């Protein structure tokens, strides 16, 4: 039951961060980006592997631009950040 409430709180926090101006999204967005894989693994272990896979798909869909940025940085490129 705790996992359910943590997941719901993460979704509401993500929705609240999305409503912030872009310059204020970075710090809470990174915190959500770090917390998501932990929740996804917990969902996969406690619920079912397919539920974890669905959670992972939702995570990638929501954070596609930051994930593209970090992937480009890992490849040695210098992608541009959006205007603040």
Protein backbone atom coordinates (compact mmCIF):
# COMPACT_ATOMS: atom_id res chain seq x y z
CA UNK A 1 0.00 0.00 0.00
CA UNK A 2 2.92 2.33 0.69
CA UNK A 3 4.18 1.83 -2.86
CA UNK A 4 0.82 2.95 -4.20
CA UNK A 5 0.89 6.17 -2.17
CA UNK A 6 4.50 6.87 -3.11
CA UNK A 7 3.63 6.41 -6.77
CA UNK A 8 0.60 8.68 -6.51
CA UNK A 9 2.67 11.33 -4.72
CA UNK A 10 5.32 11.10 -7.47
CA UNK A 11 2.66 11.62 -10.17
CA UNK A 12 1.20 14.67 -8.40
CA UNK A 13 4.69 16.09 -7.82
CA UNK A 14 5.52 15.61 -11.52
CA UNK A 15 2.30 17.37 -12.52
CA UNK A 16 3.06 20.25 -10.15
CA UNK A 17 6.62 20.61 -11.46
CA UNK A 18 5.34 20.61 -15.05
CA UNK A 19 3.27 23.70 -14.24
CA UNK A 20 6.30 25.65 -13.01
CA UNK A 21 8.17 28.05 -15.29
CA UNK A 22 11.02 26.33 -17.13
CA UNK A 23 13.78 27.97 -15.06
CA UNK A 24 12.24 26.58 -11.85
CA UNK A 25 11.74 23.04 -13.15
CA UNK A 26 15.37 21.92 -13.09
CA UNK A 27 15.98 21.08 -9.42
CA UNK A 28 12.66 19.33 -8.67
CA UNK A 29 12.74 17.72 -12.11
CA UNK A 30 16.13 16.15 -11.43
CA UNK A 31 14.87 14.89 -8.07
CA UNK A 32 11.90 13.27 -9.81
CA UNK A 33 14.19 11.90 -12.50
CA UNK A 34 16.33 10.22 -9.84
CA UNK A 35 13.39 8.91 -7.79
CA UNK A 36 11.53 7.39 -10.76
CA UNK A 37 13.80 4.38 -11.42
CA UNK A 38 13.59 3.40 -7.75
CA UNK A 39 9.78 3.45 -7.90
CA UNK A 40 9.75 1.60 -11.23
CA UNK A 41 11.93 -1.20 -9.87
CA UNK A 42 9.77 -1.42 -6.75
CA UNK A 43 6.63 -1.62 -8.91
CA UNK A 44 8.22 -4.34 -11.03
CA UNK A 45 9.23 -6.36 -7.96
CA UNK A 46 6.10 -5.95 -5.85
CA UNK A 47 3.33 -5.84 -8.47
CA UNK A 48 4.39 -7.54 -11.70
CA UNK A 49 7.05 -7.21 -14.37
CA UNK A 50 4.51 -5.93 -16.90
CA UNK A 51 3.42 -3.18 -14.50
CA UNK A 52 7.05 -2.14 -14.14
CA UNK A 53 7.36 -2.13 -17.92
CA UNK A 54 4.30 0.12 -18.23
CA UNK A 55 5.70 2.44 -15.56
CA UNK A 56 9.00 2.55 -17.44
CA UNK A 57 7.20 3.42 -20.69
CA UNK A 58 5.33 6.24 -18.94
CA UNK A 59 8.60 7.50 -17.41
CA UNK A 60 10.38 7.57 -20.77
CA UNK A 61 7.40 9.33 -22.33
CA UNK A 62 7.33 12.05 -19.64
CA UNK A 63 11.08 12.61 -19.47
CA UNK A 64 12.00 12.12 -23.13
CA UNK A 65 13.71 15.50 -23.52
CA UNK A 66 15.90 15.29 -20.37
CA UNK A 67 16.78 11.70 -21.26
CA UNK A 68 17.78 12.79 -24.79
CA UNK A 69 19.91 15.53 -23.26
CA UNK A 70 21.72 13.15 -20.90
CA UNK A 71 22.18 10.59 -23.70
CA UNK A 72 23.74 13.26 -25.93
CA UNK A 73 26.03 14.34 -23.07
CA UNK A 74 27.15 10.74 -22.58
CA UNK A 75 28.05 10.59 -26.29
CA UNK A 76 30.21 13.72 -25.86
CA UNK A 77 27.90 16.18 -27.59
CA UNK A 78 26.91 19.61 -26.24
CA UNK A 79 23.13 19.90 -26.69
CA UNK A 80 21.44 23.25 -26.16
CA UNK A 81 19.25 23.89 -23.16
CA UNK A 82 15.87 25.55 -23.74
CA UNK A 83 15.64 29.30 -23.18
CA UNK A 84 14.94 30.26 -19.64
